[in-house]
Protein backbone atom coordinates (compact mmCIF):
# COMPACT_ATOMS: atom_id res chain seq x y z
CA UNK A 1 0.00 0.00 0.00
CA UNK A 2 1.03 3.53 -0.67
CA UNK A 3 2.02 5.26 2.57
CA UNK A 4 1.04 8.69 1.24
CA UNK A 5 -2.45 7.45 0.35
CA UNK A 6 -2.91 5.98 3.83
CA UNK A 7 -1.71 9.18 5.45
CA UNK A 8 -4.07 11.34 3.38
CA UNK A 9 -7.03 9.05 4.24
CA UNK A 10 -6.15 9.33 7.91
CA UNK A 11 -5.93 13.10 7.52
CA UNK A 12 -9.31 13.24 5.80
CA UNK A 13 -10.92 11.20 8.59
CA UNK A 14 -9.29 13.48 11.15
CA UNK A 15 -10.55 16.58 9.34
CA UNK A 16 -14.07 15.16 9.17
CA UNK A 17 -14.01 14.29 12.88
CA UNK A 18 -12.72 17.78 13.70
CA UNK A 19 -15.47 19.41 11.64
CA UNK A 20 -18.05 17.23 13.35
CA UNK A 21 -16.59 18.29 16.68
CA UNK A 22 -16.80 21.96 15.64
CA UNK A 23 -20.46 21.57 14.69
CA UNK A 24 -21.08 19.83 18.00
CA UNK A 25 -19.39 22.62 19.97
CA UNK A 26 -21.40 25.28 18.15
CA UNK A 27 -24.68 23.40 18.55
CA UNK A 28 -24.26 22.30 22.18
CA UNK A 29 -25.61 25.48 23.80
CA UNK A 30 -28.75 25.20 21.67
CA UNK A 31 -29.09 21.52 22.51
CA UNK A 32 -28.85 22.29 26.23
CA UNK A 33 -31.57 24.93 25.91
CA UNK A 34 -33.75 22.47 24.00
CA UNK A 35 -33.19 19.79 26.63
CA UNK A 36 -33.99 22.23 29.45
CA UNK A 37 -37.23 23.13 27.67
CA UNK A 38 -38.16 19.47 27.35
CA UNK A 39 -37.43 18.84 31.01
CA UNK A 40 -39.67 21.78 31.83
CA UNK A 41 -42.45 20.01 29.93
CA UNK A 42 -42.01 16.88 32.05
CA UNK A 43 -39.84 14.82 29.68
CA UNK A 44 -36.66 13.55 31.28
CA UNK A 45 -34.23 12.38 28.62
CA UNK A 46 -34.96 12.88 24.94
CA UNK A 47 -34.12 9.90 22.77
CA UNK A 48 -32.33 12.03 20.18
CA UNK A 49 -29.83 13.13 22.84
CA UNK A 50 -28.64 9.54 23.35
CA UNK A 51 -28.57 8.91 19.59
CA UNK A 52 -26.42 12.01 19.16
CA UNK A 53 -23.98 10.73 21.80
CA UNK A 54 -23.74 7.37 20.04
CA UNK A 55 -23.19 9.04 16.65
CA UNK A 56 -20.26 11.04 18.03
CA UNK A 57 -18.81 7.97 19.72
CA UNK A 58 -19.06 5.98 16.50
CA UNK A 59 -17.42 8.73 14.42
CA UNK A 60 -14.59 9.08 16.92
CA UNK A 61 -14.19 5.28 17.11
CA UNK A 62 -13.71 5.09 13.35
CA UNK A 63 -11.18 7.95 13.44
CA UNK A 64 -9.22 6.41 16.32
CA UNK A 65 -9.27 2.94 14.80
CA UNK A 66 -8.09 4.18 11.40
CA UNK A 67 -5.38 6.40 12.89
CA UNK A 68 -4.09 3.71 15.24
CA UNK A 69 -3.96 1.15 12.42
CA UNK A 70 -1.86 3.51 10.32
CA UNK A 71 0.39 4.87 13.05
CA UNK A 72 3.92 3.59 13.27
CA UNK A 73 4.38 4.71 16.86
CA UNK A 74 3.04 2.50 19.62
CA UNK A 75 2.68 5.36 22.11
CA UNK A 76 0.36 7.23 19.73
CA UNK A 77 -1.91 4.17 19.52
CA UNK A 78 -1.97 3.91 23.30
CA UNK A 79 -2.82 7.60 23.73
CA UNK A 80 -5.54 7.47 21.06
CA UNK A 81 -7.27 4.44 22.56
CA UNK A 82 -6.88 5.72 26.12
CA UNK A 83 -8.44 9.04 25.12
CA UNK A 84 -11.32 7.30 23.37
CA UNK A 85 -11.99 5.06 26.37
CA UNK A 86 -11.97 8.13 28.62
CA UNK A 87 -14.48 9.80 26.26
CA UNK A 88 -16.75 6.73 26.46
CA UNK A 89 -16.59 6.78 30.26
CA UNK A 90 -17.40 10.50 30.39
CA UNK A 91 -20.33 10.19 27.99
PDB file of N, CA and C in Angstrom:
ATOM      1  N   UNK A   1       0.819  -1.176   0.000  1.00  0.00           N
ATOM      2  CA  UNK A   1       0.000   0.000   0.000  1.00  0.00           C
ATOM      3  C   UNK A   1       0.868   1.247   0.000  1.00  0.00           C
ATOM      4  N   UNK A   2       0.334   2.268  -0.593  1.00  0.00           N
ATOM      5  CA  UNK A   2       1.033   3.533  -0.674  1.00  0.00           C
ATOM      6  C   UNK A   2       0.898   4.281   0.657  1.00  0.00           C
ATOM      7  N   UNK A   3       2.029   4.594   1.272  1.00  0.00           N
ATOM      8  CA  UNK A   3       2.020   5.259   2.569  1.00  0.00           C
ATOM      9  C   UNK A   3       1.382   6.639   2.482  1.00  0.00           C
ATOM     10  N   UNK A   4       1.617   7.360   1.403  1.00  0.00           N
ATOM     11  CA  UNK A   4       1.038   8.685   1.237  1.00  0.00           C
ATOM     12  C   UNK A   4      -0.486   8.617   1.147  1.00  0.00           C
ATOM     13  N   UNK A   5      -0.999   7.608   0.460  1.00  0.00           N
ATOM     14  CA  UNK A   5      -2.454   7.449   0.348  1.00  0.00           C
ATOM     15  C   UNK A   5      -3.064   7.135   1.697  1.00  0.00           C
ATOM     16  N   UNK A   6      -2.404   6.292   2.492  1.00  0.00           N
ATOM     17  CA  UNK A   6      -2.909   5.980   3.830  1.00  0.00           C
ATOM     18  C   UNK A   6      -2.888   7.202   4.730  1.00  0.00           C
ATOM     19  N   UNK A   7      -1.810   7.986   4.617  1.00  0.00           N
ATOM     20  CA  UNK A   7      -1.711   9.184   5.446  1.00  0.00           C
ATOM     21  C   UNK A   7      -2.790  10.185   5.068  1.00  0.00           C
ATOM     22  N   UNK A   8      -3.055  10.363   3.788  1.00  0.00           N
ATOM     23  CA  UNK A   8      -4.069  11.336   3.385  1.00  0.00           C
ATOM     24  C   UNK A   8      -5.463  10.866   3.793  1.00  0.00           C
ATOM     25  N   UNK A   9      -5.731   9.548   3.768  1.00  0.00           N
ATOM     26  CA  UNK A   9      -7.026   9.051   4.236  1.00  0.00           C
ATOM     27  C   UNK A   9      -7.176   9.297   5.731  1.00  0.00           C
ATOM     28  N   UNK A  10      -6.119   9.084   6.476  1.00  0.00           N
ATOM     29  CA  UNK A  10      -6.151   9.332   7.908  1.00  0.00           C
ATOM     30  C   UNK A  10      -6.381  10.819   8.173  1.00  0.00           C
ATOM     31  N   UNK A  11      -5.743  11.661   7.370  1.00  0.00           N
ATOM     32  CA  UNK A  11      -5.927  13.100   7.517  1.00  0.00           C
ATOM     33  C   UNK A  11      -7.362  13.505   7.201  1.00  0.00           C
ATOM     34  N   UNK A  12      -7.939  12.917   6.179  1.00  0.00           N
ATOM     35  CA  UNK A  12      -9.315  13.238   5.804  1.00  0.00           C
ATOM     36  C   UNK A  12     -10.279  12.827   6.912  1.00  0.00           C
ATOM     37  N   UNK A  13     -10.069  11.646   7.479  1.00  0.00           N
ATOM     38  CA  UNK A  13     -10.922  11.203   8.585  1.00  0.00           C
ATOM     39  C   UNK A  13     -10.748  12.137   9.771  1.00  0.00           C
ATOM     40  N   UNK A  14      -9.536  12.546  10.055  1.00  0.00           N
ATOM     41  CA  UNK A  14      -9.289  13.485  11.153  1.00  0.00           C
ATOM     42  C   UNK A  14      -9.949  14.832  10.916  1.00  0.00           C
ATOM     43  N   UNK A  15      -9.901  15.317   9.684  1.00  0.00           N
ATOM     44  CA  UNK A  15     -10.555  16.581   9.338  1.00  0.00           C
ATOM     45  C   UNK A  15     -12.055  16.463   9.503  1.00  0.00           C
ATOM     46  N   UNK A  16     -12.628  15.356   9.046  1.00  0.00           N
ATOM     47  CA  UNK A  16     -14.071  15.161   9.170  1.00  0.00           C
ATOM     48  C   UNK A  16     -14.480  15.080  10.643  1.00  0.00           C
ATOM     49  N   UNK A  17     -13.703  14.380  11.451  1.00  0.00           N
ATOM     50  CA  UNK A  17     -14.010  14.288  12.882  1.00  0.00           C
ATOM     51  C   UNK A  17     -13.888  15.656  13.546  1.00  0.00           C
ATOM     52  N   UNK A  18     -12.889  16.438  13.140  1.00  0.00           N
ATOM     53  CA  UNK A  18     -12.723  17.777  13.703  1.00  0.00           C
ATOM     54  C   UNK A  18     -13.876  18.693  13.314  1.00  0.00           C
ATOM     55  N   UNK A  19     -14.326  18.600  12.078  1.00  0.00           N
ATOM     56  CA  UNK A  19     -15.469  19.408  11.642  1.00  0.00           C
ATOM     57  C   UNK A  19     -16.734  19.006  12.390  1.00  0.00           C
ATOM     58  N   UNK A  20     -16.907  17.711  12.581  1.00  0.00           N
ATOM     59  CA  UNK A  20     -18.054  17.231  13.346  1.00  0.00           C
ATOM     60  C   UNK A  20     -17.975  17.742  14.787  1.00  0.00           C
ATOM     61  N   UNK A  21     -16.794  17.771  15.338  1.00  0.00           N
ATOM     62  CA  UNK A  21     -16.587  18.292  16.684  1.00  0.00           C
ATOM     63  C   UNK A  21     -16.911  19.787  16.732  1.00  0.00           C
ATOM     64  N   UNK A  22     -16.511  20.537  15.707  1.00  0.00           N
ATOM     65  CA  UNK A  22     -16.804  21.962  15.645  1.00  0.00           C
ATOM     66  C   UNK A  22     -18.302  22.209  15.597  1.00  0.00           C
ATOM     67  N   UNK A  23     -19.002  21.445  14.773  1.00  0.00           N
ATOM     68  CA  UNK A  23     -20.457  21.571  14.691  1.00  0.00           C
ATOM     69  C   UNK A  23     -21.083  21.249  16.046  1.00  0.00           C
ATOM     70  N   UNK A  24     -20.577  20.213  16.684  1.00  0.00           N
ATOM     71  CA  UNK A  24     -21.079  19.835  18.000  1.00  0.00           C
ATOM     72  C   UNK A  24     -20.875  20.958  19.012  1.00  0.00           C
ATOM     73  N   UNK A  25     -19.683  21.547  19.015  1.00  0.00           N
ATOM     74  CA  UNK A  25     -19.393  22.622  19.973  1.00  0.00           C
ATOM     75  C   UNK A  25     -20.265  23.850  19.720  1.00  0.00           C
ATOM     76  N   UNK A  26     -20.540  24.142  18.466  1.00  0.00           N
ATOM     77  CA  UNK A  26     -21.401  25.276  18.152  1.00  0.00           C
ATOM     78  C   UNK A  26     -22.857  24.994  18.489  1.00  0.00           C
ATOM     79  N   UNK A  27     -23.279  23.753  18.335  1.00  0.00           N
ATOM     80  CA  UNK A  27     -24.682  23.399  18.550  1.00  0.00           C
ATOM     81  C   UNK A  27     -25.010  23.063  20.004  1.00  0.00           C
ATOM     82  N   UNK A  28     -24.011  22.744  20.816  1.00  0.00           N
ATOM     83  CA  UNK A  28     -24.259  22.295  22.184  1.00  0.00           C
ATOM     84  C   UNK A  28     -25.075  23.274  23.020  1.00  0.00           C
ATOM     85  N   UNK A  29     -24.775  24.577  22.998  1.00  0.00           N
ATOM     86  CA  UNK A  29     -25.613  25.480  23.804  1.00  0.00           C
ATOM     87  C   UNK A  29     -27.091  25.410  23.412  1.00  0.00           C
ATOM     88  N   UNK A  30     -27.371  25.301  22.122  1.00  0.00           N
ATOM     89  CA  UNK A  30     -28.753  25.201  21.671  1.00  0.00           C
ATOM     90  C   UNK A  30     -29.388  23.870  22.090  1.00  0.00           C
ATOM     91  N   UNK A  31     -28.584  22.817  22.075  1.00  0.00           N
ATOM     92  CA  UNK A  31     -29.094  21.516  22.512  1.00  0.00           C
ATOM     93  C   UNK A  31     -29.411  21.521  24.006  1.00  0.00           C
ATOM     94  N   UNK A  32     -28.574  22.197  24.799  1.00  0.00           N
ATOM     95  CA  UNK A  32     -28.846  22.289  26.234  1.00  0.00           C
ATOM     96  C   UNK A  32     -30.137  23.066  26.501  1.00  0.00           C
ATOM     97  N   UNK A  33     -30.342  24.149  25.753  1.00  0.00           N
ATOM     98  CA  UNK A  33     -31.566  24.926  25.914  1.00  0.00           C
ATOM     99  C   UNK A  33     -32.777  24.078  25.526  1.00  0.00           C
ATOM    100  N   UNK A  34     -32.644  23.331  24.431  1.00  0.00           N
ATOM    101  CA  UNK A  34     -33.750  22.467  23.998  1.00  0.00           C
ATOM    102  C   UNK A  34     -34.032  21.397  25.045  1.00  0.00           C
ATOM    103  N   UNK A  35     -32.989  20.814  25.614  1.00  0.00           N
ATOM    104  CA  UNK A  35     -33.186  19.791  26.631  1.00  0.00           C
ATOM    105  C   UNK A  35     -33.823  20.390  27.883  1.00  0.00           C
ATOM    106  N   UNK A  36     -33.397  21.581  28.276  1.00  0.00           N
ATOM    107  CA  UNK A  36     -33.987  22.234  29.447  1.00  0.00           C
ATOM    108  C   UNK A  36     -35.470  22.507  29.211  1.00  0.00           C
ATOM    109  N   UNK A  37     -35.820  22.900  27.988  1.00  0.00           N
ATOM    110  CA  UNK A  37     -37.229  23.129  27.665  1.00  0.00           C
ATOM    111  C   UNK A  37     -38.041  21.851  27.731  1.00  0.00           C
ATOM    112  N   UNK A  38     -37.450  20.754  27.290  1.00  0.00           N
ATOM    113  CA  UNK A  38     -38.156  19.474  27.350  1.00  0.00           C
ATOM    114  C   UNK A  38     -38.328  18.995  28.785  1.00  0.00           C
ATOM    115  N   UNK A  39     -37.320  19.232  29.609  1.00  0.00           N
ATOM    116  CA  UNK A  39     -37.426  18.839  31.010  1.00  0.00           C
ATOM    117  C   UNK A  39     -38.526  19.660  31.688  1.00  0.00           C
ATOM    118  N   UNK A  40     -38.623  20.937  31.290  1.00  0.00           N
ATOM    119  CA  UNK A  40     -39.673  21.781  31.834  1.00  0.00           C
ATOM    120  C   UNK A  40     -41.064  21.287  31.469  1.00  0.00           C
ATOM    121  N   UNK A  41     -41.168  20.562  30.359  1.00  0.00           N
ATOM    122  CA  UNK A  41     -42.454  20.007  29.933  1.00  0.00           C
ATOM    123  C   UNK A  41     -42.721  18.636  30.554  1.00  0.00           C
ATOM    124  N   UNK A  42     -41.797  18.157  31.365  1.00  0.00           N
ATOM    125  CA  UNK A  42     -42.008  16.884  32.051  1.00  0.00           C
ATOM    126  C   UNK A  42     -41.303  15.703  31.403  1.00  0.00           C
ATOM    127  N   UNK A  43     -40.602  15.911  30.304  1.00  0.00           N
ATOM    128  CA  UNK A  43     -39.840  14.820  29.678  1.00  0.00           C
ATOM    129  C   UNK A  43     -38.449  14.808  30.288  1.00  0.00           C
ATOM    130  N   UNK A  44     -37.930  13.622  30.571  1.00  0.00           N
ATOM    131  CA  UNK A  44     -36.660  13.551  31.283  1.00  0.00           C
ATOM    132  C   UNK A  44     -35.444  13.486  30.360  1.00  0.00           C
ATOM    133  N   UNK A  45     -35.402  12.559  29.477  1.00  0.00           N
ATOM    134  CA  UNK A  45     -34.229  12.376  28.619  1.00  0.00           C
ATOM    135  C   UNK A  45     -34.693  12.121  27.196  1.00  0.00           C
ATOM    136  N   UNK A  46     -34.510  13.102  26.313  1.00  0.00           N
ATOM    137  CA  UNK A  46     -34.960  12.880  24.936  1.00  0.00           C
ATOM    138  C   UNK A  46     -34.139  11.790  24.250  1.00  0.00           C
ATOM    139  N   UNK A  47     -34.786  11.006  23.447  1.00  0.00           N
ATOM    140  CA  UNK A  47     -34.118   9.896  22.773  1.00  0.00           C
ATOM    141  C   UNK A  47     -33.048  10.390  21.810  1.00  0.00           C
ATOM    142  N   UNK A  48     -33.299  11.526  21.151  1.00  0.00           N
ATOM    143  CA  UNK A  48     -32.328  12.034  20.180  1.00  0.00           C
ATOM    144  C   UNK A  48     -31.017  12.423  20.846  1.00  0.00           C
ATOM    145  N   UNK A  49     -31.060  12.759  22.135  1.00  0.00           N
ATOM    146  CA  UNK A  49     -29.830  13.126  22.839  1.00  0.00           C
ATOM    147  C   UNK A  49     -28.897  11.910  22.930  1.00  0.00           C
ATOM    148  N   UNK A  50     -29.439  10.756  23.277  1.00  0.00           N
ATOM    149  CA  UNK A  50     -28.644   9.539  23.350  1.00  0.00           C
ATOM    150  C   UNK A  50     -28.149   9.083  21.987  1.00  0.00           C
ATOM    151  N   UNK A  51     -28.972   9.259  20.957  1.00  0.00           N
ATOM    152  CA  UNK A  51     -28.570   8.907  19.591  1.00  0.00           C
ATOM    153  C   UNK A  51     -27.424   9.799  19.146  1.00  0.00           C
ATOM    154  N   UNK A  52     -27.487  11.081  19.508  1.00  0.00           N
ATOM    155  CA  UNK A  52     -26.420  12.010  19.159  1.00  0.00           C
ATOM    156  C   UNK A  52     -25.110  11.600  19.831  1.00  0.00           C
ATOM    157  N   UNK A  53     -25.176  11.209  21.094  1.00  0.00           N
ATOM    158  CA  UNK A  53     -23.980  10.730  21.800  1.00  0.00           C
ATOM    159  C   UNK A  53     -23.375   9.519  21.097  1.00  0.00           C
ATOM    160  N   UNK A  54     -24.226   8.575  20.725  1.00  0.00           N
ATOM    161  CA  UNK A  54     -23.735   7.368  20.041  1.00  0.00           C
ATOM    162  C   UNK A  54     -23.138   7.692  18.679  1.00  0.00           C
ATOM    163  N   UNK A  55     -23.725   8.647  17.962  1.00  0.00           N
ATOM    164  CA  UNK A  55     -23.191   9.036  16.651  1.00  0.00           C
ATOM    165  C   UNK A  55     -21.788   9.619  16.793  1.00  0.00           C
ATOM    166  N   UNK A  56     -21.590  10.469  17.802  1.00  0.00           N
ATOM    167  CA  UNK A  56     -20.261  11.037  18.025  1.00  0.00           C
ATOM    168  C   UNK A  56     -19.266   9.975  18.469  1.00  0.00           C
ATOM    169  N   UNK A  57     -19.708   9.054  19.300  1.00  0.00           N
ATOM    170  CA  UNK A  57     -18.813   7.975  19.719  1.00  0.00           C
ATOM    171  C   UNK A  57     -18.411   7.091  18.543  1.00  0.00           C
ATOM    172  N   UNK A  58     -19.362   6.806  17.669  1.00  0.00           N
ATOM    173  CA  UNK A  58     -19.060   5.981  16.495  1.00  0.00           C
ATOM    174  C   UNK A  58     -18.089   6.692  15.558  1.00  0.00           C
ATOM    175  N   UNK A  59     -18.322   7.977  15.308  1.00  0.00           N
ATOM    176  CA  UNK A  59     -17.418   8.735  14.425  1.00  0.00           C
ATOM    177  C   UNK A  59     -16.012   8.791  15.016  1.00  0.00           C
ATOM    178  N   UNK A  60     -15.918   9.017  16.311  1.00  0.00           N
ATOM    179  CA  UNK A  60     -14.595   9.075  16.923  1.00  0.00           C
ATOM    180  C   UNK A  60     -13.941   7.697  16.978  1.00  0.00           C
ATOM    181  N   UNK A  61     -14.739   6.638  17.135  1.00  0.00           N
ATOM    182  CA  UNK A  61     -14.192   5.282  17.114  1.00  0.00           C
ATOM    183  C   UNK A  61     -13.562   4.975  15.764  1.00  0.00           C
ATOM    184  N   UNK A  62     -14.239   5.333  14.702  1.00  0.00           N
ATOM    185  CA  UNK A  62     -13.709   5.091  13.352  1.00  0.00           C
ATOM    186  C   UNK A  62     -12.411   5.870  13.154  1.00  0.00           C
ATOM    187  N   UNK A  63     -12.391   7.134  13.588  1.00  0.00           N
ATOM    188  CA  UNK A  63     -11.183   7.954  13.438  1.00  0.00           C
ATOM    189  C   UNK A  63     -10.018   7.389  14.241  1.00  0.00           C
ATOM    190  N   UNK A  64     -10.283   6.963  15.477  1.00  0.00           N
ATOM    191  CA  UNK A  64      -9.220   6.414  16.324  1.00  0.00           C
ATOM    192  C   UNK A  64      -8.737   5.084  15.769  1.00  0.00           C
ATOM    193  N   UNK A  65      -9.671   4.240  15.354  1.00  0.00           N
ATOM    194  CA  UNK A  65      -9.273   2.941  14.802  1.00  0.00           C
ATOM    195  C   UNK A  65      -8.392   3.123  13.568  1.00  0.00           C
ATOM    196  N   UNK A  66      -8.837   3.982  12.650  1.00  0.00           N
ATOM    197  CA  UNK A  66      -8.092   4.183  11.403  1.00  0.00           C
ATOM    198  C   UNK A  66      -6.709   4.781  11.690  1.00  0.00           C
ATOM    199  N   UNK A  67      -6.653   5.763  12.576  1.00  0.00           N
ATOM    200  CA  UNK A  67      -5.375   6.397  12.892  1.00  0.00           C
ATOM    201  C   UNK A  67      -4.433   5.450  13.612  1.00  0.00           C
ATOM    202  N   UNK A  68      -4.967   4.638  14.516  1.00  0.00           N
ATOM    203  CA  UNK A  68      -4.091   3.711  15.240  1.00  0.00           C
ATOM    204  C   UNK A  68      -3.591   2.588  14.332  1.00  0.00           C
ATOM    205  N   UNK A  69      -4.406   2.185  13.371  1.00  0.00           N
ATOM    206  CA  UNK A  69      -3.962   1.151  12.422  1.00  0.00           C
ATOM    207  C   UNK A  69      -2.834   1.658  11.526  1.00  0.00           C
ATOM    208  N   UNK A  70      -2.830   2.947  11.247  1.00  0.00           N
ATOM    209  CA  UNK A  70      -1.857   3.505  10.316  1.00  0.00           C
ATOM    210  C   UNK A  70      -0.730   4.269  11.000  1.00  0.00           C
ATOM    211  N   UNK A  71      -0.671   4.201  12.319  1.00  0.00           N
ATOM    212  CA  UNK A  71       0.391   4.871  13.046  1.00  0.00           C
ATOM    213  C   UNK A  71       1.559   3.914  13.250  1.00  0.00           C
ATOM    214  N   UNK A  72       2.739   4.433  13.078  1.00  0.00           N
ATOM    215  CA  UNK A  72       3.924   3.591  13.270  1.00  0.00           C
ATOM    216  C   UNK A  72       4.437   3.644  14.703  1.00  0.00           C
ATOM    217  N   UNK A  73       3.908   4.553  15.485  1.00  0.00           N
ATOM    218  CA  UNK A  73       4.380   4.711  16.855  1.00  0.00           C
ATOM    219  C   UNK A  73       3.380   4.085  17.832  1.00  0.00           C
ATOM    220  N   UNK A  74       3.894   3.208  18.667  1.00  0.00           N
ATOM    221  CA  UNK A  74       3.037   2.497  19.622  1.00  0.00           C
ATOM    222  C   UNK A  74       2.435   3.442  20.656  1.00  0.00           C
ATOM    223  N   UNK A  75       3.184   4.446  21.089  1.00  0.00           N
ATOM    224  CA  UNK A  75       2.679   5.355  22.114  1.00  0.00           C
ATOM    225  C   UNK A  75       1.498   6.180  21.600  1.00  0.00           C
ATOM    226  N   UNK A  76       1.488   6.484  20.308  1.00  0.00           N
ATOM    227  CA  UNK A  76       0.358   7.229  19.730  1.00  0.00           C
ATOM    228  C   UNK A  76      -0.893   6.356  19.791  1.00  0.00           C
ATOM    229  N   UNK A  77      -0.762   5.088  19.445  1.00  0.00           N
ATOM    230  CA  UNK A  77      -1.909   4.166  19.517  1.00  0.00           C
ATOM    231  C   UNK A  77      -2.458   4.103  20.942  1.00  0.00           C
ATOM    232  N   UNK A  78      -1.554   3.990  21.905  1.00  0.00           N
ATOM    233  CA  UNK A  78      -1.967   3.912  23.304  1.00  0.00           C
ATOM    234  C   UNK A  78      -2.699   5.179  23.737  1.00  0.00           C
ATOM    235  N   UNK A  79      -2.181   6.331  23.356  1.00  0.00           N
ATOM    236  CA  UNK A  79      -2.817   7.603  23.727  1.00  0.00           C
ATOM    237  C   UNK A  79      -4.177   7.740  23.048  1.00  0.00           C
ATOM    238  N   UNK A  80      -4.262   7.370  21.774  1.00  0.00           N
ATOM    239  CA  UNK A  80      -5.540   7.471  21.059  1.00  0.00           C
ATOM    240  C   UNK A  80      -6.607   6.604  21.713  1.00  0.00           C
ATOM    241  N   UNK A  81      -6.283   5.349  21.959  1.00  0.00           N
ATOM    242  CA  UNK A  81      -7.273   4.443  22.557  1.00  0.00           C
ATOM    243  C   UNK A  81      -7.601   4.829  23.991  1.00  0.00           C
ATOM    244  N   UNK A  82      -6.620   5.285  24.744  1.00  0.00           N
ATOM    245  CA  UNK A  82      -6.882   5.722  26.121  1.00  0.00           C
ATOM    246  C   UNK A  82      -7.816   6.932  26.121  1.00  0.00           C
ATOM    247  N   UNK A  83      -7.579   7.855  25.214  1.00  0.00           N
ATOM    248  CA  UNK A  83      -8.442   9.038  25.118  1.00  0.00           C
ATOM    249  C   UNK A  83      -9.853   8.647  24.719  1.00  0.00           C
ATOM    250  N   UNK A  84      -9.979   7.711  23.800  1.00  0.00           N
ATOM    251  CA  UNK A  84     -11.320   7.295  23.366  1.00  0.00           C
ATOM    252  C   UNK A  84     -12.064   6.595  24.511  1.00  0.00           C
ATOM    253  N   UNK A  85     -11.365   5.747  25.241  1.00  0.00           N
ATOM    254  CA  UNK A  85     -11.991   5.057  26.368  1.00  0.00           C
ATOM    255  C   UNK A  85     -12.422   6.070  27.432  1.00  0.00           C
ATOM    256  N   UNK A  86     -11.609   7.084  27.676  1.00  0.00           N
ATOM    257  CA  UNK A  86     -11.971   8.134  28.621  1.00  0.00           C
ATOM    258  C   UNK A  86     -13.229   8.872  28.139  1.00  0.00           C
ATOM    259  N   UNK A  87     -13.297   9.152  26.835  1.00  0.00           N
ATOM    260  CA  UNK A  87     -14.481   9.801  26.257  1.00  0.00           C
ATOM    261  C   UNK A  87     -15.725   8.949  26.468  1.00  0.00           C
ATOM    262  N   UNK A  88     -15.611   7.643  26.253  1.00  0.00           N
ATOM    263  CA  UNK A  88     -16.749   6.734  26.461  1.00  0.00           C
ATOM    264  C   UNK A  88     -17.201   6.762  27.914  1.00  0.00           C
ATOM    265  N   UNK A  89     -16.250   6.759  28.831  1.00  0.00           N
ATOM    266  CA  UNK A  89     -16.594   6.785  30.258  1.00  0.00           C
ATOM    267  C   UNK A  89     -17.295   8.090  30.614  1.00  0.00           C
ATOM    268  N   UNK A  90     -16.808   9.204  30.083  1.00  0.00           N
ATOM    269  CA  UNK A  90     -17.402  10.499  30.389  1.00  0.00           C
ATOM    270  C   UNK A  90     -18.814  10.601  29.831  1.00  0.00           C
ATOM    271  N   UNK A  91     -18.996  10.120  28.618  1.00  0.00           N
ATOM    272  CA  UNK A  91     -20.333  10.189  27.988  1.00  0.00           C
ATOM    273  C   UNK A  91     -21.239   9.147  28.600  1.00  0.00           C
TER     274      UNK A  91
END
